[in-house]
Amino acid sequence: TFFLAIPVMLGASLLKIVKFGLRFTTI
């Protein structure tokens, strides 16, 4: 289960970051 989390969370995080973009404020 721990090992499954690696690609699952990497993939999910990548999708969210792409959707959000790199428009981060400093905060």
PDB file of all heavy atoms in Angstrom:
ATOM      1  N   THR A   1       0.825  -1.200   0.000  1.00  0.00           N
ATOM      2  CA  THR A   1       0.000   0.000   0.000  1.00  0.00           C
ATOM      3  C   THR A   1       0.861   1.252   0.000  1.00  0.00           C
ATOM      4  O   THR A   1       0.575   2.228  -0.723  1.00  0.00           O
ATOM      5  CB  THR A   1      -0.930   0.004   1.230  1.00  0.00           C
ATOM      6  OG1 THR A   1      -1.874  -1.057   1.106  1.00  0.00           O
ATOM      7  CG2 THR A   1      -1.683   1.324   1.348  1.00  0.00           C
ATOM      8  N   PHE A   2       1.929   1.254   0.799  1.00  0.00           N
ATOM      9  CA  PHE A   2       2.855   2.390   0.809  1.00  0.00           C
ATOM     10  C   PHE A   2       3.438   2.624  -0.575  1.00  0.00           C
ATOM     11  O   PHE A   2       3.502   3.759  -1.058  1.00  0.00           O
ATOM     12  CB  PHE A   2       3.995   2.144   1.795  1.00  0.00           C
ATOM     13  CG  PHE A   2       3.582   2.081   3.238  1.00  0.00           C
ATOM     14  CD1 PHE A   2       4.402   1.473   4.173  1.00  0.00           C
ATOM     15  CD2 PHE A   2       2.380   2.622   3.664  1.00  0.00           C
ATOM     16  CE1 PHE A   2       4.039   1.420   5.512  1.00  0.00           C
ATOM     17  CE2 PHE A   2       1.995   2.568   4.999  1.00  0.00           C
ATOM     18  CZ  PHE A   2       2.838   1.968   5.927  1.00  0.00           C
ATOM     19  N   PHE A   3       3.865   1.542  -1.215  1.00  0.00           N
ATOM     20  CA  PHE A   3       4.513   1.677  -2.523  1.00  0.00           C
ATOM     21  C   PHE A   3       3.526   2.127  -3.593  1.00  0.00           C
ATOM     22  O   PHE A   3       3.886   2.889  -4.504  1.00  0.00           O
ATOM     23  CB  PHE A   3       5.165   0.351  -2.927  1.00  0.00           C
ATOM     24  CG  PHE A   3       6.155  -0.176  -1.924  1.00  0.00           C
ATOM     25  CD1 PHE A   3       6.482  -1.532  -1.882  1.00  0.00           C
ATOM     26  CD2 PHE A   3       6.762   0.674  -1.015  1.00  0.00           C
ATOM     27  CE1 PHE A   3       7.387  -2.005  -0.960  1.00  0.00           C
ATOM     28  CE2 PHE A   3       7.674   0.206  -0.082  1.00  0.00           C
ATOM     29  CZ  PHE A   3       7.986  -1.146  -0.049  1.00  0.00           C
ATOM     30  N   LEU A   4       2.271   1.659  -3.486  1.00  0.00           N
ATOM     31  CA  LEU A   4       1.244   2.090  -4.435  1.00  0.00           C
ATOM     32  C   LEU A   4       1.033   3.599  -4.376  1.00  0.00           C
ATOM     33  O   LEU A   4       0.709   4.236  -5.383  1.00  0.00           O
ATOM     34  CB  LEU A   4      -0.087   1.405  -4.113  1.00  0.00           C
ATOM     35  CG  LEU A   4      -0.348   0.018  -4.677  1.00  0.00           C
ATOM     36  CD1 LEU A   4      -1.731  -0.459  -4.253  1.00  0.00           C
ATOM     37  CD2 LEU A   4      -0.227   0.004  -6.184  1.00  0.00           C
ATOM     38  N   ALA A   5       1.246   4.160  -3.197  1.00  0.00           N
ATOM     39  CA  ALA A   5       0.995   5.590  -3.023  1.00  0.00           C
ATOM     40  C   ALA A   5       1.952   6.439  -3.851  1.00  0.00           C
ATOM     41  O   ALA A   5       1.609   7.569  -4.218  1.00  0.00           O
ATOM     42  CB  ALA A   5       1.128   5.966  -1.547  1.00  0.00           C
ATOM     43  N   ILE A   6       3.134   5.919  -4.141  1.00  0.00           N
ATOM     44  CA  ILE A   6       4.140   6.736  -4.826  1.00  0.00           C
ATOM     45  C   ILE A   6       3.659   7.182  -6.207  1.00  0.00           C
ATOM     46  O   ILE A   6       3.550   8.392  -6.465  1.00  0.00           O
ATOM     47  CB  ILE A   6       5.487   5.992  -4.915  1.00  0.00           C
ATOM     48  CG1 ILE A   6       6.021   5.707  -3.503  1.00  0.00           C
ATOM     49  CG2 ILE A   6       6.507   6.810  -5.714  1.00  0.00           C
ATOM     50  CD1 ILE A   6       7.259   4.821  -3.476  1.00  0.00           C
ATOM     51  N   PRO A   7       3.337   6.264  -7.138  1.00  0.00           N
ATOM     52  CA  PRO A   7       2.864   6.739  -8.450  1.00  0.00           C
ATOM     53  C   PRO A   7       1.488   7.381  -8.391  1.00  0.00           C
ATOM     54  O   PRO A   7       1.205   8.322  -9.143  1.00  0.00           O
ATOM     55  CB  PRO A   7       2.851   5.463  -9.305  1.00  0.00           C
ATOM     56  CG  PRO A   7       2.733   4.337  -8.324  1.00  0.00           C
ATOM     57  CD  PRO A   7       3.478   4.786  -7.106  1.00  0.00           C
ATOM     58  N   VAL A   8       0.615   6.881  -7.490  1.00  0.00           N
ATOM     59  CA  VAL A   8      -0.743   7.434  -7.405  1.00  0.00           C
ATOM     60  C   VAL A   8      -0.705   8.903  -6.994  1.00  0.00           C
ATOM     61  O   VAL A   8      -1.323   9.767  -7.627  1.00  0.00           O
ATOM     62  CB  VAL A   8      -1.599   6.622  -6.406  1.00  0.00           C
ATOM     63  CG1 VAL A   8      -2.922   7.346  -6.119  1.00  0.00           C
ATOM     64  CG2 VAL A   8      -1.890   5.238  -6.965  1.00  0.00           C
ATOM     65  N   MET A   9       0.033   9.194  -5.930  1.00  0.00           N
ATOM     66  CA  MET A   9       0.086  10.566  -5.431  1.00  0.00           C
ATOM     67  C   MET A   9       0.903  11.479  -6.342  1.00  0.00           C
ATOM     68  O   MET A   9       0.594  12.660  -6.491  1.00  0.00           O
ATOM     69  CB  MET A   9       0.644  10.590  -4.019  1.00  0.00           C
ATOM     70  CG  MET A   9      -0.281  10.008  -2.968  1.00  0.00           C
ATOM     71  SD  MET A   9      -1.856  10.912  -2.857  1.00  0.00           S
ATOM     72  CE  MET A   9      -2.953   9.861  -3.810  1.00  0.00           C
ATOM     73  N   LEU A  10       1.956  10.938  -6.949  1.00  0.00           N
ATOM     74  CA  LEU A  10       2.713  11.737  -7.912  1.00  0.00           C
ATOM     75  C   LEU A  10       1.826  12.134  -9.089  1.00  0.00           C
ATOM     76  O   LEU A  10       1.820  13.290  -9.521  1.00  0.00           O
ATOM     77  CB  LEU A  10       3.936  10.960  -8.409  1.00  0.00           C
ATOM     78  CG  LEU A  10       5.143  10.888  -7.468  1.00  0.00           C
ATOM     79  CD1 LEU A  10       6.210   9.983  -8.054  1.00  0.00           C
ATOM     80  CD2 LEU A  10       5.717  12.286  -7.209  1.00  0.00           C
ATOM     81  N   GLY A  11       1.068  11.167  -9.593  1.00  0.00           N
ATOM     82  CA  GLY A  11       0.177  11.441 -10.717  1.00  0.00           C
ATOM     83  C   GLY A  11      -0.922  12.416 -10.356  1.00  0.00           C
ATOM     84  O   GLY A  11      -1.200  13.363 -11.105  1.00  0.00           O
ATOM     85  N   ALA A  12      -1.561  12.193  -9.199  1.00  0.00           N
ATOM     86  CA  ALA A  12      -2.643  13.075  -8.769  1.00  0.00           C
ATOM     87  C   ALA A  12      -2.128  14.491  -8.537  1.00  0.00           C
ATOM     88  O   ALA A  12      -2.775  15.475  -8.911  1.00  0.00           O
ATOM     89  CB  ALA A  12      -3.284  12.527  -7.494  1.00  0.00           C
ATOM     90  N   SER A  13      -0.941  14.603  -7.931  1.00  0.00           N
ATOM     91  CA  SER A  13      -0.360  15.918  -7.662  1.00  0.00           C
ATOM     92  C   SER A  13      -0.013  16.646  -8.955  1.00  0.00           C
ATOM     93  O   SER A  13      -0.238  17.857  -9.086  1.00  0.00           O
ATOM     94  CB  SER A  13       0.891  15.778  -6.789  1.00  0.00           C
ATOM     95  OG  SER A  13       0.566  15.227  -5.533  1.00  0.00           O
ATOM     96  N   LEU A  14       0.536  15.911  -9.917  1.00  0.00           N
ATOM     97  CA  LEU A  14       0.881  16.511 -11.201  1.00  0.00           C
ATOM     98  C   LEU A  14      -0.358  17.065 -11.890  1.00  0.00           C
ATOM     99  O   LEU A  14      -0.344  18.183 -12.425  1.00  0.00           O
ATOM    100  CB  LEU A  14       1.576  15.480 -12.098  1.00  0.00           C
ATOM    101  CG  LEU A  14       1.979  15.963 -13.497  1.00  0.00           C
ATOM    102  CD1 LEU A  14       2.969  17.117 -13.387  1.00  0.00           C
ATOM    103  CD2 LEU A  14       2.585  14.816 -14.307  1.00  0.00           C
ATOM    104  N   LEU A  15      -1.453  16.293 -11.856  1.00  0.00           N
ATOM    105  CA  LEU A  15      -2.697  16.751 -12.480  1.00  0.00           C
ATOM    106  C   LEU A  15      -3.204  18.031 -11.815  1.00  0.00           C
ATOM    107  O   LEU A  15      -3.646  18.963 -12.493  1.00  0.00           O
ATOM    108  CB  LEU A  15      -3.766  15.653 -12.389  1.00  0.00           C
ATOM    109  CG  LEU A  15      -3.587  14.436 -13.301  1.00  0.00           C
ATOM    110  CD1 LEU A  15      -4.649  13.384 -13.000  1.00  0.00           C
ATOM    111  CD2 LEU A  15      -3.644  14.842 -14.770  1.00  0.00           C
ATOM    112  N   LYS A  16      -3.128  18.077 -10.476  1.00  0.00           N
ATOM    113  CA  LYS A  16      -3.612  19.256  -9.754  1.00  0.00           C
ATOM    114  C   LYS A  16      -2.738  20.474 -10.033  1.00  0.00           C
ATOM    115  O   LYS A  16      -3.251  21.592 -10.185  1.00  0.00           O
ATOM    116  CB  LYS A  16      -3.646  18.969  -8.252  1.00  0.00           C
ATOM    117  CG  LYS A  16      -4.699  17.955  -7.831  1.00  0.00           C
ATOM    118  CD  LYS A  16      -6.100  18.453  -8.137  1.00  0.00           C
ATOM    119  CE  LYS A  16      -7.147  17.464  -7.668  1.00  0.00           C
ATOM    120  NZ  LYS A  16      -8.531  17.901  -8.013  1.00  0.00           N
ATOM    121  N   ILE A  17      -1.412  20.270 -10.092  1.00  0.00           N
ATOM    122  CA  ILE A  17      -0.508  21.387 -10.348  1.00  0.00           C
ATOM    123  C   ILE A  17      -0.700  21.919 -11.765  1.00  0.00           C
ATOM    124  O   ILE A  17      -0.721  23.136 -11.992  1.00  0.00           O
ATOM    125  CB  ILE A  17       0.959  20.964 -10.123  1.00  0.00           C
ATOM    126  CG1 ILE A  17       1.207  20.728  -8.628  1.00  0.00           C
ATOM    127  CG2 ILE A  17       1.920  22.028 -10.641  1.00  0.00           C
ATOM    128  CD1 ILE A  17       2.572  20.160  -8.310  1.00  0.00           C
ATOM    129  N   VAL A  18      -0.861  21.012 -12.721  1.00  0.00           N
ATOM    130  CA  VAL A  18      -1.103  21.431 -14.112  1.00  0.00           C
ATOM    131  C   VAL A  18      -2.407  22.211 -14.205  1.00  0.00           C
ATOM    132  O   VAL A  18      -2.493  23.247 -14.877  1.00  0.00           O
ATOM    133  CB  VAL A  18      -1.135  20.200 -15.043  1.00  0.00           C
ATOM    134  CG1 VAL A  18      -1.656  20.593 -16.429  1.00  0.00           C
ATOM    135  CG2 VAL A  18       0.254  19.583 -15.159  1.00  0.00           C
ATOM    136  N   LYS A  19      -3.427  21.719 -13.508  1.00  0.00           N
ATOM    137  CA  LYS A  19      -4.727  22.391 -13.526  1.00  0.00           C
ATOM    138  C   LYS A  19      -4.639  23.765 -12.875  1.00  0.00           C
ATOM    139  O   LYS A  19      -5.213  24.750 -13.372  1.00  0.00           O
ATOM    140  CB  LYS A  19      -5.764  21.535 -12.797  1.00  0.00           C
ATOM    141  CG  LYS A  19      -7.150  22.147 -12.750  1.00  0.00           C
ATOM    142  CD  LYS A  19      -8.130  21.250 -12.012  1.00  0.00           C
ATOM    143  CE  LYS A  19      -9.508  21.897 -11.906  1.00  0.00           C
ATOM    144  NZ  LYS A  19     -10.459  21.039 -11.161  1.00  0.00           N
ATOM    145  N   PHE A  20      -3.899  23.866 -11.759  1.00  0.00           N
ATOM    146  CA  PHE A  20      -3.776  25.137 -11.039  1.00  0.00           C
ATOM    147  C   PHE A  20      -2.829  26.086 -11.752  1.00  0.00           C
ATOM    148  O   PHE A  20      -3.022  27.302 -11.747  1.00  0.00           O
ATOM    149  CB  PHE A  20      -3.274  24.877  -9.616  1.00  0.00           C
ATOM    150  CG  PHE A  20      -3.159  26.131  -8.775  1.00  0.00           C
ATOM    151  CD1 PHE A  20      -4.293  26.695  -8.205  1.00  0.00           C
ATOM    152  CD2 PHE A  20      -1.921  26.727  -8.559  1.00  0.00           C
ATOM    153  CE1 PHE A  20      -4.188  27.852  -7.431  1.00  0.00           C
ATOM    154  CE2 PHE A  20      -1.812  27.878  -7.788  1.00  0.00           C
ATOM    155  CZ  PHE A  20      -2.949  28.441  -7.224  1.00  0.00           C
ATOM    156  N   GLY A  21      -1.789  25.527 -12.367  1.00  0.00           N
ATOM    157  CA  GLY A  21      -0.759  26.346 -12.994  1.00  0.00           C
ATOM    158  C   GLY A  21       0.311  26.731 -11.983  1.00  0.00           C
ATOM    159  O   GLY A  21       0.281  26.313 -10.824  1.00  0.00           O
ATOM    160  N   LEU A  22       1.258  27.534 -12.417  1.00  0.00           N
ATOM    161  CA  LEU A  22       2.341  27.965 -11.520  1.00  0.00           C
ATOM    162  C   LEU A  22       2.129  29.409 -11.063  1.00  0.00           C
ATOM    163  O   LEU A  22       3.072  30.176 -10.929  1.00  0.00           O
ATOM    164  CB  LEU A  22       3.690  27.814 -12.234  1.00  0.00           C
ATOM    165  CG  LEU A  22       4.058  26.382 -12.645  1.00  0.00           C
ATOM    166  CD1 LEU A  22       5.367  26.366 -13.410  1.00  0.00           C
ATOM    167  CD2 LEU A  22       4.145  25.475 -11.414  1.00  0.00           C
ATOM    168  N   ARG A  23       0.886  29.724 -10.782  1.00  0.00           N
ATOM    169  CA  ARG A  23       0.522  31.091 -10.416  1.00  0.00           C
ATOM    170  C   ARG A  23       0.549  31.274  -8.894  1.00  0.00           C
ATOM    171  O   ARG A  23      -0.343  31.883  -8.314  1.00  0.00           O
ATOM    172  CB  ARG A  23      -0.870  31.415 -10.949  1.00  0.00           C
ATOM    173  CG  ARG A  23      -1.073  31.122 -12.424  1.00  0.00           C
ATOM    174  CD  ARG A  23      -2.475  31.499 -12.891  1.00  0.00           C
ATOM    175  NE  ARG A  23      -3.518  30.864 -12.078  1.00  0.00           N
ATOM    176  CZ  ARG A  23      -4.021  29.682 -12.333  1.00  0.00           C
ATOM    177  NH1 ARG A  23      -3.565  28.970 -13.363  1.00  0.00           N
ATOM    178  NH2 ARG A  23      -4.964  29.173 -11.570  1.00  0.00           N
ATOM    179  N   PHE A  24       1.569  30.739  -8.235  1.00  0.00           N
ATOM    180  CA  PHE A  24       1.638  30.819  -6.783  1.00  0.00           C
ATOM    181  C   PHE A  24       2.021  32.220  -6.320  1.00  0.00           C
ATOM    182  O   PHE A  24       2.966  32.826  -6.843  1.00  0.00           O
ATOM    183  CB  PHE A  24       2.680  29.832  -6.239  1.00  0.00           C
ATOM    184  CG  PHE A  24       2.345  28.394  -6.477  1.00  0.00           C
ATOM    185  CD1 PHE A  24       2.934  27.693  -7.518  1.00  0.00           C
ATOM    186  CD2 PHE A  24       1.436  27.748  -5.657  1.00  0.00           C
ATOM    187  CE1 PHE A  24       2.635  26.359  -7.728  1.00  0.00           C
ATOM    188  CE2 PHE A  24       1.124  26.419  -5.863  1.00  0.00           C
ATOM    189  CZ  PHE A  24       1.726  25.714  -6.897  1.00  0.00           C
ATOM    190  N   THR A  25       1.308  32.707  -5.326  1.00  0.00           N
ATOM    191  CA  THR A  25       1.773  33.898  -4.630  1.00  0.00           C
ATOM    192  C   THR A  25       2.853  33.465  -3.635  1.00  0.00           C
ATOM    193  O   THR A  25       3.046  32.271  -3.390  1.00  0.00           O
ATOM    194  CB  THR A  25       0.633  34.582  -3.859  1.00  0.00           C
ATOM    195  OG1 THR A  25       0.188  33.701  -2.818  1.00  0.00           O
ATOM    196  CG2 THR A  25      -0.530  34.904  -4.788  1.00  0.00           C
ATOM    197  N   THR A  26       3.555  34.420  -3.052  1.00  0.00           N
ATOM    198  CA  THR A  26       4.598  34.085  -2.081  1.00  0.00           C
ATOM    199  C   THR A  26       4.011  33.335  -0.892  1.00  0.00           C
ATOM    200  O   THR A  26       4.577  32.332  -0.427  1.00  0.00           O
ATOM    201  CB  THR A  26       5.306  35.360  -1.585  1.00  0.00           C
ATOM    202  OG1 THR A  26       5.842  36.058  -2.712  1.00  0.00           O
ATOM    203  CG2 THR A  26       6.420  35.026  -0.611  1.00  0.00           C
ATOM    204  N   ILE A  27       2.860  33.791  -0.401  1.00  0.00           N
ATOM    205  CA  ILE A  27       2.213  33.127   0.740  1.00  0.00           C
ATOM    206  C   ILE A  27       1.775  31.720   0.360  1.00  0.00           C
ATOM    207  O   ILE A  27       1.961  30.763   1.132  1.00  0.00           O
ATOM    208  CB  ILE A  27       1.002  33.949   1.235  1.00  0.00           C
ATOM    209  CG1 ILE A  27       1.479  35.261   1.846  1.00  0.00           C
ATOM    210  CG2 ILE A  27       0.193  33.149   2.252  1.00  0.00           C
ATOM    211  CD1 ILE A  27       2.334  35.077   3.089  1.00  0.00           C
TER     212      ILE A  27
END
